[in-house]
Amino acid sequence: MPREIANPPDPNPRKPKIALPPGACDTHFHLFGPRDKYPFAENATYEAPDATPEMHARLMQRLGLSRGVVVSGGAYVRDYRRMADALAKHPDRYRGIALMPEDAPDAEFVRLTGLGVRGLRFMSTKRTKVLPTLHEGIARRAFAHGWHVQFYPAPGDIVDYADKLLALPNDIVLDHFAGIPAEGGVDQPAFKAVLRMLDTGRVWVKLSGPMRCTREPPPYPSVVPLARALVAHAPERLVWGSDWPHVNMNDLVMPNDGDLADLLAEWVPDEATRNRILVDNACALYGFPKP
């Protein structure tokens, strides 16, 4: 079956109406290309146009961002060289999240930790046939190096994974509003499961990828109640990410990244709390120095 060729992001991001604070961090984006140096995996389900560190740096400048967390792209499957090379070149700007092979040697964990990798990513089995799924053995090995587990649930199945994730010793970071179907609101079992996880003090949620939990076009109104409820419940364990360059969206409206940044004003109306999410929380989770 031919794989999807992802559409490129909007090439003209608008300058946000809100001013992001010094040290603001984009905790979720992917890098791709150039493809002659970083070829896509043969078994990948999609491929993407170039989204290089230089291109992301221009986006950061436009939005007012200072730092970022490179999440190794699924188009590379378990080859994370693109992510690792970006960290090596920009150690002050970037941290990283890896899609690790289960048999990775301890020396590789040591090397990647030195580059700035702070977590490994798993997917729900409903989301993938080729990317890493929850694996206790490598999670515990990652914990020994101070890494957290980043997990991307399928719609609603955080209910099935909550206790499995909490049984790990690692801190847990849930991608894209924990995959909660936004139209289900704050009373659905999946949202209540996330609140219970947050109450442990070991779980974080990314206010990112609203287009991943609803098929609405921007500005994703059904996501607002979820965001505000999370902010009210545990503002100290939320971070924000752009999800640039927005792959796997060929059947959805491509957002403008300036508009995505401005959603924060609606999700987090209090400026001090917003700045905490953008700066302090990201520093605590990824080890950036405070600005």
Protein backbone atom coordinates (compact mmCIF):
# COMPACT_ATOMS: atom_id res chain seq x y z
CA MET A 1 0.00 0.00 0.00
CA PRO A 2 1.48 3.42 -0.92
CA ARG A 3 2.34 5.60 2.03
CA GLU A 4 0.99 9.07 2.62
CA ILE A 5 3.01 12.04 1.43
CA ALA A 6 2.35 14.62 4.13
CA ASN A 7 1.32 18.11 3.12
CA PRO A 8 3.73 20.88 4.15
CA PRO A 9 2.84 23.28 6.97
CA ASP A 10 1.54 26.77 6.28
CA PRO A 11 4.64 28.59 4.97
CA ASN A 12 3.51 31.96 6.36
CA PRO A 13 2.96 31.66 10.12
CA ARG A 14 1.31 34.75 11.55
CA LYS A 15 2.91 36.62 14.40
CA PRO A 16 0.85 35.75 17.51
CA LYS A 17 -1.30 38.42 19.11
CA ILE A 18 0.00 37.34 22.50
CA ALA A 19 3.65 37.86 23.43
CA LEU A 20 5.38 34.68 24.52
CA PRO A 21 7.73 35.10 27.50
CA PRO A 22 11.55 34.79 27.35
CA GLY A 23 12.47 31.11 27.50
CA ALA A 24 9.17 29.92 26.00
CA CYS A 25 9.48 26.32 24.83
CA ASP A 26 7.85 24.35 22.01
CA THR A 27 7.87 20.89 23.60
CA HIS A 28 6.63 18.91 20.61
CA PHE A 29 7.75 19.16 17.01
CA HIS A 30 9.44 16.96 14.42
CA LEU A 31 12.36 17.47 12.05
CA PHE A 32 12.75 15.93 8.60
CA GLY A 33 15.33 16.09 5.86
CA PRO A 34 17.17 16.70 3.78
CA ARG A 35 16.08 13.29 2.55
CA ASP A 36 19.36 12.44 0.84
CA LYS A 37 21.04 12.53 4.25
CA TYR A 38 18.11 11.27 6.35
CA PRO A 39 16.15 8.77 4.20
CA PHE A 40 12.74 7.63 5.40
CA ALA A 41 12.35 4.09 6.72
CA GLU A 42 11.18 1.52 4.19
CA ASN A 43 8.33 0.45 6.47
CA ALA A 44 7.22 3.99 7.41
CA THR A 45 3.53 4.77 6.88
CA TYR A 46 4.22 8.32 5.70
CA GLU A 47 6.95 10.62 4.50
CA ALA A 48 7.25 14.37 4.88
CA PRO A 49 8.70 17.38 3.11
CA ASP A 50 11.80 18.95 4.59
CA ALA A 51 11.33 20.44 8.06
CA THR A 52 14.89 21.27 9.05
CA PRO A 53 16.33 22.93 12.17
CA GLU A 54 16.87 26.10 10.11
CA MET A 55 13.20 26.12 9.10
CA HIS A 56 12.11 25.54 12.69
CA ALA A 57 14.43 28.33 13.89
CA ARG A 58 12.58 30.75 11.61
CA LEU A 59 9.27 29.55 13.06
CA MET A 60 10.60 30.02 16.59
CA GLN A 61 11.66 33.57 15.81
CA ARG A 62 8.28 34.36 14.29
CA LEU A 63 6.32 32.97 17.25
CA GLY A 64 8.65 34.25 19.97
CA LEU A 65 9.95 30.87 21.11
CA SER A 66 13.39 30.30 22.64
CA ARG A 67 13.68 26.52 22.99
CA GLY A 68 12.28 23.30 21.65
CA VAL A 69 11.96 19.55 22.17
CA VAL A 70 12.58 17.48 19.05
CA VAL A 71 10.40 14.36 18.98
CA SER A 72 11.95 11.84 16.61
CA GLY A 73 9.64 11.55 13.61
CA GLY A 74 7.67 8.40 12.90
CA ALA A 75 8.68 8.53 9.22
CA TYR A 76 12.13 7.41 10.39
CA VAL A 77 10.62 4.63 12.57
CA ARG A 78 13.49 3.84 15.02
CA ASP A 79 16.25 5.74 13.22
CA TYR A 80 16.65 8.89 15.33
CA ARG A 81 19.76 10.33 13.66
CA ARG A 82 17.90 13.44 12.47
CA MET A 83 16.89 14.23 16.03
CA ALA A 84 20.31 13.40 17.51
CA ASP A 85 22.20 15.49 14.96
CA ALA A 86 20.00 18.50 15.69
CA LEU A 87 20.69 18.18 19.41
CA ALA A 88 24.43 17.90 18.80
CA LYS A 89 24.41 21.06 16.66
CA HIS A 90 22.11 23.11 18.91
CA PRO A 91 22.71 21.94 22.51
CA ASP A 92 21.39 25.12 24.11
CA ARG A 93 18.25 25.28 21.97
CA TYR A 94 17.00 21.68 21.88
CA ARG A 95 16.20 18.65 23.97
CA GLY A 96 14.98 15.37 22.45
CA ILE A 97 12.60 12.42 22.66
CA ALA A 98 13.67 9.17 20.96
CA LEU A 99 11.90 6.22 19.36
CA MET A 100 14.27 3.60 20.76
CA PRO A 101 14.95 0.02 19.66
CA GLU A 102 14.24 -2.34 22.55
CA ASP A 103 17.75 -3.81 22.29
CA ALA A 104 19.58 -0.46 22.37
CA PRO A 105 22.82 -0.84 24.39
CA ASP A 106 23.36 1.09 27.61
CA ALA A 107 26.16 3.02 25.93
CA GLU A 108 23.61 4.48 23.53
CA PHE A 109 21.47 5.69 26.42
CA VAL A 110 24.56 7.38 27.85
CA ARG A 111 25.39 9.01 24.51
CA LEU A 112 21.86 10.27 23.92
CA THR A 113 21.54 11.56 27.48
CA GLY A 114 24.68 13.61 26.89
CA LEU A 115 23.14 15.06 23.74
CA GLY A 116 20.01 16.13 25.60
CA VAL A 117 17.53 13.29 25.12
CA ARG A 118 15.16 13.21 28.09
CA GLY A 119 12.57 10.60 27.20
CA LEU A 120 11.47 7.75 24.98
CA ARG A 121 8.17 7.63 23.14
CA PHE A 122 5.64 4.81 22.92
CA MET A 123 2.41 4.58 20.94
CA SER A 124 -0.86 2.84 21.66
CA THR A 125 -1.05 -0.41 19.71
CA LYS A 126 -4.13 1.05 17.98
CA ARG A 127 -1.98 3.81 16.52
CA THR A 128 0.86 1.87 14.94
CA LYS A 129 2.16 -1.34 13.44
CA VAL A 130 5.78 -0.20 13.10
CA LEU A 131 6.56 2.27 15.92
CA PRO A 132 7.47 1.40 19.53
CA THR A 133 4.60 0.36 21.79
CA LEU A 134 4.63 0.17 25.58
CA HIS A 135 7.59 -1.96 26.71
CA GLU A 136 8.35 -2.24 30.41
CA GLY A 137 11.91 -3.48 29.96
CA ILE A 138 13.27 -0.56 27.98
CA ALA A 139 11.20 1.91 30.02
CA ARG A 140 12.94 0.72 33.20
CA ARG A 141 16.33 0.93 31.49
CA ALA A 142 15.50 4.49 30.41
CA PHE A 143 14.51 5.35 33.98
CA ALA A 144 18.03 4.47 35.11
CA HIS A 145 19.25 7.33 32.89
CA GLY A 146 16.68 9.81 34.17
CA TRP A 147 14.36 9.56 31.16
CA HIS A 148 10.59 9.82 31.25
CA VAL A 149 8.10 7.90 29.11
CA GLN A 150 6.16 9.86 26.51
CA PHE A 151 2.98 8.07 25.47
CA TYR A 152 0.56 8.76 22.63
CA PRO A 153 -2.82 7.12 23.28
CA ALA A 154 -5.42 6.35 20.65
CA PRO A 155 -8.79 8.08 21.14
CA GLY A 156 -10.09 7.15 24.57
CA ASP A 157 -7.77 4.25 25.29
CA ILE A 158 -5.85 6.03 28.05
CA VAL A 159 -8.46 4.27 30.21
CA ASP A 160 -6.85 0.95 29.29
CA TYR A 161 -3.27 2.18 29.66
CA ALA A 162 -3.44 4.35 32.79
CA ASP A 163 -2.52 1.69 35.35
CA LYS A 164 0.09 0.11 33.06
CA LEU A 165 1.81 3.46 32.69
CA LEU A 166 1.61 4.24 36.39
CA ALA A 167 3.20 0.87 37.18
CA LEU A 168 6.41 2.10 35.51
CA PRO A 169 8.97 3.95 37.66
CA ASN A 170 9.29 6.76 35.09
CA ASP A 171 7.47 10.04 35.01
CA ILE A 172 4.82 9.90 32.27
CA VAL A 173 4.13 12.55 29.62
CA LEU A 174 0.89 12.19 27.65
CA ASP A 175 0.89 13.51 24.09
CA HIS A 176 -1.73 15.75 22.52
CA PHE A 177 -4.30 16.11 25.31
CA ALA A 178 -3.82 12.38 26.04
CA GLY A 179 -5.72 11.52 22.86
CA ILE A 180 -9.02 12.36 24.54
CA PRO A 181 -11.87 12.74 22.00
CA ALA A 182 -12.69 16.40 22.52
CA GLU A 183 -16.36 16.09 21.64
CA GLY A 184 -16.81 13.78 24.64
CA GLY A 185 -16.16 16.63 27.05
CA VAL A 186 -14.81 16.57 30.59
CA ASP A 187 -17.19 13.94 31.99
CA GLN A 188 -16.03 11.05 29.79
CA PRO A 189 -14.05 8.18 31.36
CA ALA A 190 -10.87 9.03 29.44
CA PHE A 191 -10.72 12.54 30.86
CA LYS A 192 -11.40 11.33 34.38
CA ALA A 193 -8.59 8.77 33.96
CA VAL A 194 -6.19 11.55 33.03
CA LEU A 195 -7.17 13.61 36.08
CA ARG A 196 -6.55 10.57 38.26
CA MET A 197 -3.13 10.15 36.66
CA LEU A 198 -2.29 13.82 37.21
CA ASP A 199 -3.15 13.43 40.89
CA THR A 200 -0.19 11.06 41.32
CA GLY A 201 2.23 13.95 40.76
CA ARG A 202 4.18 11.87 38.21
CA VAL A 203 2.19 12.61 35.08
CA TRP A 204 2.34 15.53 32.64
CA VAL A 205 0.03 16.43 29.74
CA LYS A 206 0.96 18.24 26.54
CA LEU A 207 -1.40 21.00 25.48
CA SER A 208 -0.57 20.21 21.87
CA GLY A 209 -2.09 18.83 18.71
CA PRO A 210 -5.73 19.89 19.18
CA MET A 211 -6.27 18.62 15.65
CA ARG A 212 -5.35 15.15 16.92
CA CYS A 213 -8.38 14.90 19.21
CA THR A 214 -11.06 16.48 17.01
CA ARG A 215 -11.83 16.74 13.32
CA GLU A 216 -13.11 20.29 13.73
CA PRO A 217 -11.29 22.97 11.77
CA PRO A 218 -9.36 25.62 13.69
CA PRO A 219 -9.86 27.05 16.30
CA TYR A 220 -11.07 23.66 17.65
CA PRO A 221 -13.80 24.92 20.01
CA SER A 222 -14.50 21.51 21.54
CA VAL A 223 -10.93 21.42 22.90
CA VAL A 224 -11.37 24.57 25.01
CA PRO A 225 -13.24 22.87 27.92
CA LEU A 226 -10.60 20.13 28.10
CA ALA A 227 -7.76 22.64 28.14
CA ARG A 228 -9.33 24.85 30.78
CA ALA A 229 -10.18 21.89 33.00
CA LEU A 230 -6.59 20.61 32.81
CA VAL A 231 -5.25 24.07 33.63
CA ALA A 232 -7.57 24.32 36.62
CA HIS A 233 -6.58 20.85 37.86
CA ALA A 234 -2.78 20.71 37.49
CA PRO A 235 -1.18 23.80 35.91
CA GLU A 236 2.20 22.75 37.31
CA ARG A 237 2.35 19.66 35.07
CA LEU A 238 1.28 20.98 31.69
CA VAL A 239 3.51 21.95 28.76
CA TRP A 240 2.75 23.32 25.30
CA GLY A 241 3.81 22.13 21.85
CA SER A 242 3.17 23.22 18.28
CA ASP A 243 3.25 19.72 16.71
CA TRP A 244 4.95 21.37 13.69
CA PRO A 245 5.11 20.46 10.78
CA HIS A 246 1.70 18.82 11.32
CA VAL A 247 2.12 15.52 9.48
CA ASN A 248 -0.72 13.07 8.79
CA MET A 249 -3.24 15.86 8.23
CA ASN A 250 -3.95 15.54 4.54
CA ASP A 251 -7.69 15.15 5.19
CA LEU A 252 -7.85 18.03 7.71
CA VAL A 253 -7.45 21.80 7.60
CA MET A 254 -3.79 22.78 7.99
CA PRO A 255 -3.49 25.24 10.90
CA ASN A 256 -1.42 28.40 10.92
CA ASP A 257 1.19 28.19 13.67
CA GLY A 258 0.60 31.75 14.81
CA ASP A 259 -3.05 30.90 15.37
CA LEU A 260 -2.05 27.79 17.32
CA ALA A 261 0.08 29.91 19.64
CA ASP A 262 -2.82 32.32 20.14
CA LEU A 263 -5.06 29.45 21.28
CA LEU A 264 -3.09 29.61 24.51
CA ALA A 265 -4.80 32.89 25.35
CA GLU A 266 -8.15 31.10 25.29
CA TRP A 267 -6.98 27.90 26.91
CA VAL A 268 -4.94 29.66 29.62
CA PRO A 269 -6.34 33.18 30.11
CA ASP A 270 -4.13 33.97 33.12
CA GLU A 271 -0.77 35.25 31.86
CA ALA A 272 1.23 34.08 34.87
CA THR A 273 -0.11 30.53 34.51
CA ARG A 274 0.51 30.64 30.77
CA ASN A 275 4.10 31.69 31.30
CA ARG A 276 4.54 28.93 33.87
CA ILE A 277 3.42 26.35 31.31
CA LEU A 278 5.63 27.78 28.56
CA VAL A 279 8.78 28.30 30.62
CA ASP A 280 8.96 26.92 34.16
CA ASN A 281 7.27 23.60 33.50
CA ALA A 282 9.35 22.97 30.39
CA CYS A 283 12.52 23.75 32.34
CA ALA A 284 11.54 21.28 35.05
CA LEU A 285 10.59 18.49 32.66
CA TYR A 286 13.38 18.79 30.10
CA GLY A 287 16.26 20.21 32.12
CA PHE A 288 16.56 23.59 30.43
CA PRO A 289 18.17 26.29 32.57
CA LYS A 290 15.76 28.94 33.72
CA PRO A 291 16.08 32.10 31.62
